[in-house]
């Protein structure tokens, strides 16, 4: 079951190629002009190659990391006295909703805590929005582990949890496109759609930290993080990267976080940089010494 996602990769690449060909008459190097004109952004060669490099690195790293995940999942499953038999239809319904809720909170924390954001920012670092963006994944996938552990403690078998995670990621691949507009209202009300996910990738102020859902959008509606697509979405970060180097894309926020922690004036500020969201800065008292004011000066906030 761990390999299900890998079997889908050739289909991902095929669909990516088809979408790229559909933009053959577009100006592929003019994202800002396309957005201003209300046209799809399309593809840009260097951006797409970076996304493919990030996705390939993620697959290689996950070969080893998934082995660790399987051991942890199996250990927790053996510790709990609970058992959910996957031969029951309701067990699959329980798994579907439990997995999607776990993904919502993983995704939300990945935006609201800078340590988690340092891993997740990779996925938001492209100023383009197409199927290659779905493959722009982190090289530090360890942050997601804690959020699915309750499912094992409920007695859901590890293979079933891993299978549902793969199904969710395969579904989310298709959300990363501008070729699909708004779907019928009843679909948009319940399911995560390309329109909802375009908002999530927006750097527009009203779109920041919105629409965290995986397959369903009901969690965003329930927890107050849903935002409809209205204004034209501007993709990327509030301060975009100026490089296509995959290593820099993978680790730039960890370096920025380390710089902020080193420059923090005290341990409370260091903890704030680690556990608050990106862009957080410590408050500076009016009577603070000049060197403390400089140390607390706002750093670049990649959102």
Protein backbone atom coordinates (compact mmCIF):
# COMPACT_ATOMS: atom_id res chain seq x y z
CA UNK A 1 0.00 0.00 0.00
CA UNK A 2 2.96 2.32 0.57
CA UNK A 3 3.72 2.06 -3.16
CA UNK A 4 0.27 3.13 -4.44
CA UNK A 5 1.36 6.74 -4.83
CA UNK A 6 4.47 5.70 -6.76
CA UNK A 7 2.35 3.78 -9.27
CA UNK A 8 0.45 7.00 -9.96
CA UNK A 9 3.58 8.98 -10.87
CA UNK A 10 3.60 8.03 -14.62
CA UNK A 11 0.00 9.21 -14.88
CA UNK A 12 0.94 12.45 -13.13
CA UNK A 13 3.67 13.07 -15.70
CA UNK A 14 1.35 12.23 -18.61
CA UNK A 15 -1.37 14.61 -17.39
CA UNK A 16 1.25 17.29 -16.75
CA UNK A 17 2.49 16.98 -20.33
CA UNK A 18 -1.06 17.23 -21.70
CA UNK A 19 -1.75 20.36 -19.64
CA UNK A 20 1.55 21.93 -20.69
CA UNK A 21 0.72 21.32 -24.36
CA UNK A 22 -2.61 23.06 -23.86
CA UNK A 23 -0.64 26.24 -23.11
CA UNK A 24 1.43 26.11 -26.28
CA UNK A 25 0.07 29.48 -27.46
CA UNK A 26 0.57 31.17 -24.08
CA UNK A 27 3.50 33.36 -23.03
CA UNK A 28 5.07 30.93 -20.64
CA UNK A 29 7.48 33.45 -19.12
CA UNK A 30 4.93 36.15 -18.32
CA UNK A 31 3.15 35.15 -15.12
CA UNK A 32 2.51 38.71 -13.91
CA UNK A 33 1.20 39.83 -17.30
CA UNK A 34 -1.09 36.80 -17.49
CA UNK A 35 -2.51 37.50 -14.04
CA UNK A 36 -3.07 41.17 -14.91
CA UNK A 37 -4.92 40.11 -18.05
CA UNK A 38 -6.96 37.49 -16.19
CA UNK A 39 -5.44 34.68 -18.28
CA UNK A 40 -4.03 31.38 -17.00
CA UNK A 41 -0.40 31.64 -15.92
CA UNK A 42 0.74 28.52 -17.77
CA UNK A 43 4.17 26.94 -17.52
CA UNK A 44 7.71 28.28 -17.32
CA UNK A 45 10.57 25.89 -18.13
CA UNK A 46 12.83 26.65 -15.16
CA UNK A 47 9.91 26.70 -12.73
CA UNK A 48 8.64 23.35 -14.01
CA UNK A 49 12.09 21.75 -13.83
CA UNK A 50 12.42 22.94 -10.24
CA UNK A 51 9.04 21.44 -9.35
CA UNK A 52 10.01 18.14 -10.95
CA UNK A 53 13.33 18.16 -9.07
CA UNK A 54 11.54 18.79 -5.77
CA UNK A 55 9.08 15.99 -6.47
CA UNK A 56 11.82 13.54 -7.44
CA UNK A 57 13.79 14.36 -4.28
CA UNK A 58 10.69 13.87 -2.18
CA UNK A 59 10.11 10.41 -3.67
CA UNK A 60 13.71 9.34 -3.00
CA UNK A 61 13.67 10.63 0.59
CA UNK A 62 10.32 8.99 1.26
CA UNK A 63 11.70 5.57 0.31
CA UNK A 64 13.66 5.64 3.57
CA UNK A 65 11.24 7.78 5.58
CA UNK A 66 8.24 5.55 4.86
CA UNK A 67 10.11 2.65 6.45
CA UNK A 68 10.32 4.68 9.66
CA UNK A 69 6.65 5.60 9.38
CA UNK A 70 5.62 1.96 8.97
CA UNK A 71 7.58 0.98 12.09
CA UNK A 72 6.01 3.77 14.17
CA UNK A 73 2.51 3.05 12.86
CA UNK A 74 2.86 -0.68 13.48
CA UNK A 75 4.21 -0.10 17.00
CA UNK A 76 1.27 2.12 17.99
CA UNK A 77 -1.21 -0.28 16.39
CA UNK A 78 0.18 -3.15 18.46
CA UNK A 79 0.03 -1.09 21.65
CA UNK A 80 -3.67 -0.23 21.44
CA UNK A 81 -6.31 -2.80 22.39
CA UNK A 82 -8.72 -1.29 19.85
CA UNK A 83 -9.26 -2.87 16.43
CA UNK A 84 -11.18 -1.54 13.45
CA UNK A 85 -11.98 -4.33 11.00
CA UNK A 86 -11.59 -3.01 7.45
CA UNK A 87 -14.06 -5.65 6.20
CA UNK A 88 -16.85 -3.39 7.55
CA UNK A 89 -18.14 -0.66 5.20
CA UNK A 90 -18.34 1.83 8.04
CA UNK A 91 -14.62 1.37 8.75
CA UNK A 92 -13.80 2.91 5.36
CA UNK A 93 -16.15 5.82 6.06
CA UNK A 94 -14.46 6.35 9.44
CA UNK A 95 -11.02 6.19 7.82
CA UNK A 96 -12.00 8.63 5.08
CA UNK A 97 -13.20 11.33 7.48
CA UNK A 98 -10.48 10.69 10.09
CA UNK A 99 -7.72 10.93 7.48
CA UNK A 100 -9.14 14.09 5.97
CA UNK A 101 -9.48 15.73 9.39
CA UNK A 102 -5.89 14.76 10.22
CA UNK A 103 -4.76 16.30 6.94
CA UNK A 104 -6.65 19.53 7.66
CA UNK A 105 -4.87 20.03 10.99
CA UNK A 106 -1.49 19.02 9.58
CA UNK A 107 -1.96 21.53 6.78
CA UNK A 108 -3.19 24.27 9.08
CA UNK A 109 -0.35 23.84 11.58
CA UNK A 110 2.07 23.85 8.64
CA UNK A 111 0.98 27.43 8.00
CA UNK A 112 0.66 28.60 11.60
CA UNK A 113 3.91 27.23 13.06
CA UNK A 114 7.17 28.33 11.49
CA UNK A 115 9.05 25.06 12.06
CA UNK A 116 6.34 23.25 10.11
CA UNK A 117 6.11 26.11 7.61
CA UNK A 118 9.83 25.75 6.84
CA UNK A 119 9.00 22.35 5.37
CA UNK A 120 5.70 23.27 3.73
CA UNK A 121 6.80 26.60 2.17
CA UNK A 122 8.41 24.59 -0.64
CA UNK A 123 4.98 23.75 -2.02
CA UNK A 124 4.00 27.44 -2.13
CA UNK A 125 7.22 28.74 -3.65
CA UNK A 126 6.13 28.69 -7.29
CA UNK A 127 4.54 31.74 -8.92
CA UNK A 128 2.88 29.40 -11.38
CA UNK A 129 -0.11 27.17 -10.75
CA UNK A 130 -0.31 24.02 -12.79
CA UNK A 131 0.00 20.26 -12.35
CA UNK A 132 3.77 20.53 -11.93
CA UNK A 133 3.14 22.66 -8.82
CA UNK A 134 1.50 19.62 -7.21
CA UNK A 135 4.83 17.79 -7.50
CA UNK A 136 6.79 20.59 -5.78
CA UNK A 137 7.08 18.78 -2.47
CA UNK A 138 9.27 19.09 0.61
CA UNK A 139 12.53 17.26 1.19
CA UNK A 140 11.72 17.29 4.93
CA UNK A 141 8.50 15.20 5.06
CA UNK A 142 8.86 14.29 8.75
CA UNK A 143 6.50 17.03 9.95
CA UNK A 144 3.32 15.19 9.02
CA UNK A 145 3.92 12.13 11.21
CA UNK A 146 2.23 13.24 14.50
CA UNK A 147 -1.13 14.12 12.98
CA UNK A 148 -2.02 10.58 11.87
CA UNK A 149 -0.95 8.78 15.04
CA UNK A 150 -4.45 8.98 16.62
CA UNK A 151 -5.79 6.90 13.73
CA UNK A 152 -3.47 4.04 14.71
CA UNK A 153 -4.46 4.38 18.36
CA UNK A 154 -8.09 4.06 17.28
CA UNK A 155 -7.20 0.63 15.91
CA UNK A 156 -7.12 1.42 12.19
CA UNK A 157 -4.50 -0.85 10.56
CA UNK A 158 -1.31 0.85 9.31
CA UNK A 159 -1.80 -0.38 5.73
CA UNK A 160 -5.25 1.24 5.60
CA UNK A 161 -3.94 4.59 6.90
CA UNK A 162 -1.13 4.58 4.33
CA UNK A 163 -3.55 3.68 1.56
CA UNK A 164 -5.94 6.51 2.42
CA UNK A 165 -3.04 8.98 2.61
CA UNK A 166 -2.07 7.98 -0.93
CA UNK A 167 -5.65 8.33 -2.17
CA UNK A 168 -5.83 11.82 -0.66
CA UNK A 169 -2.58 12.92 -2.32
CA UNK A 170 -3.67 11.51 -5.68
CA UNK A 171 -6.93 13.45 -5.41
CA UNK A 172 -5.08 16.64 -4.52
CA UNK A 173 -2.83 16.38 -7.59
CA UNK A 174 -5.80 17.32 -9.77
CA UNK A 175 -6.54 20.44 -7.73
CA UNK A 176 -3.45 22.22 -9.05
CA UNK A 177 -4.80 23.57 -12.31
CA UNK A 178 -6.29 26.72 -13.78
CA UNK A 179 -7.89 24.75 -16.60
CA UNK A 180 -10.89 23.88 -14.40
CA UNK A 181 -13.07 26.77 -13.28
CA UNK A 182 -15.78 26.64 -10.65
CA UNK A 183 -17.71 23.41 -10.43
CA UNK A 184 -21.45 23.07 -9.63
CA UNK A 185 -22.42 24.70 -6.34
CA UNK A 186 -23.17 21.42 -4.57
CA UNK A 187 -19.67 20.16 -5.42
CA UNK A 188 -18.00 23.37 -4.26
CA UNK A 189 -19.97 23.23 -1.00
CA UNK A 190 -18.52 19.88 0.11
CA UNK A 191 -15.47 18.90 -1.92
CA UNK A 192 -12.11 20.60 -2.26
CA UNK A 193 -11.91 21.89 -5.83
CA UNK A 194 -9.34 23.65 -8.03
CA UNK A 195 -11.10 26.94 -7.25
CA UNK A 196 -10.75 26.41 -3.48
CA UNK A 197 -7.14 25.33 -3.80
CA UNK A 198 -6.18 28.24 -6.04
CA UNK A 199 -7.21 30.46 -3.14
CA UNK A 200 -4.95 28.45 -0.84
CA UNK A 201 -1.96 29.13 -3.10
CA UNK A 202 -2.71 32.85 -3.29
CA UNK A 203 -0.42 35.54 -1.89
CA UNK A 204 -3.29 38.05 -1.92
CA UNK A 205 -3.84 39.28 1.67
CA UNK A 206 -7.39 37.92 1.88
CA UNK A 207 -6.23 34.49 0.66
CA UNK A 208 -3.39 33.92 3.13
CA UNK A 209 -3.90 30.93 5.44
CA UNK A 210 -7.19 29.80 3.95
CA UNK A 211 -8.68 26.59 2.52
CA UNK A 212 -6.57 23.88 4.16
CA UNK A 213 -8.80 20.96 3.20
CA UNK A 214 -7.52 17.82 1.48
CA UNK A 215 -10.46 16.08 -0.18
CA UNK A 216 -13.26 17.87 1.68
CA UNK A 217 -13.80 21.59 2.27
CA UNK A 218 -16.21 21.04 5.17
CA UNK A 219 -13.43 21.39 7.76
CA UNK A 220 -12.59 24.89 6.51
CA UNK A 221 -16.24 25.86 6.73
CA UNK A 222 -16.51 24.33 10.20
CA UNK A 223 -13.34 25.91 11.63
CA UNK A 224 -13.64 29.30 9.93
CA UNK A 225 -10.78 29.07 7.41
CA UNK A 226 -12.78 28.93 4.18
CA UNK A 227 -12.47 31.70 1.59
CA UNK A 228 -14.14 31.68 -1.85
CA UNK A 229 -12.26 32.60 -5.02
CA UNK A 230 -13.17 36.17 -5.91
CA UNK A 231 -10.21 38.41 -6.74
CA UNK A 232 -7.73 37.06 -9.31
CA UNK A 233 -5.24 34.87 -7.46
CA UNK A 234 -1.58 35.94 -7.36
CA UNK A 235 0.44 32.79 -6.77
CA UNK A 236 3.57 32.32 -4.70
CA UNK A 237 4.87 33.91 -1.50
CA UNK A 238 4.50 37.43 -0.19
CA UNK A 239 8.26 37.67 -0.80
CA UNK A 240 9.07 35.38 -3.70
CA UNK A 241 12.29 33.49 -4.23
CA UNK A 242 14.66 34.74 -6.91
CA UNK A 243 16.21 31.38 -7.67
CA UNK A 244 15.25 28.06 -9.20
CA UNK A 245 17.97 26.17 -7.32
CA UNK A 246 16.21 23.13 -5.76
CA UNK A 247 18.53 23.04 -2.74
CA UNK A 248 17.77 26.69 -1.94
CA UNK A 249 14.05 26.10 -2.48
CA UNK A 250 14.17 23.11 -0.13
CA UNK A 251 16.01 24.73 2.76
CA UNK A 252 15.81 28.54 2.44
CA UNK A 253 13.25 28.94 5.22
CA UNK A 254 15.24 26.77 7.62
CA UNK A 255 18.22 29.08 7.09
CA UNK A 256 16.04 32.16 7.61
CA UNK A 257 14.57 30.64 10.76
CA UNK A 258 18.04 29.87 12.13
CA UNK A 259 19.15 33.47 11.47
CA UNK A 260 16.11 34.85 13.31
CA UNK A 261 16.63 32.54 16.28
CA UNK A 262 20.31 33.49 16.55
CA UNK A 263 19.45 37.20 16.37
CA UNK A 264 16.61 37.02 18.91
CA UNK A 265 17.25 39.07 22.06
CA UNK A 266 16.06 36.41 24.56
CA UNK A 267 14.68 32.89 24.90
CA UNK A 268 11.08 34.05 24.74
CA UNK A 269 11.74 35.64 21.36
CA UNK A 270 13.57 32.50 20.17
CA UNK A 271 10.58 30.36 21.13
CA UNK A 272 8.30 32.83 19.38
CA UNK A 273 10.22 32.49 16.13
CA UNK A 274 10.00 28.72 16.38
CA UNK A 275 6.39 28.28 17.40
CA UNK A 276 4.53 31.28 15.98
CA UNK A 277 3.72 31.66 12.32
CA UNK A 278 6.01 33.01 9.59
CA UNK A 279 6.54 36.75 9.83
CA UNK A 280 6.11 36.85 13.62
CA UNK A 281 8.32 39.35 15.41
CA UNK A 282 8.72 39.98 19.17
CA UNK A 283 7.21 43.11 20.63
CA UNK A 284 9.73 45.82 21.46
CA UNK A 285 9.17 47.98 24.54
CA UNK A 286 9.42 51.73 24.13
CA UNK A 287 12.32 51.84 26.61
CA UNK A 288 14.26 49.03 24.95
CA UNK A 289 17.94 49.55 24.20
CA UNK A 290 18.74 50.37 20.54
CA UNK A 291 20.56 47.07 19.99
CA UNK A 292 17.44 45.16 21.15
CA UNK A 293 15.29 47.18 18.75
CA UNK A 294 17.62 46.26 15.89
CA UNK A 295 17.59 42.59 16.89
CA UNK A 296 13.79 42.57 16.77
CA UNK A 297 13.54 44.35 13.41
CA UNK A 298 11.17 42.55 11.01
CA UNK A 299 12.79 39.87 8.91
CA UNK A 300 11.59 38.74 5.50
CA UNK A 301 8.31 36.88 5.88
CA UNK A 302 7.88 34.22 3.22
CA UNK A 303 4.22 33.36 3.27
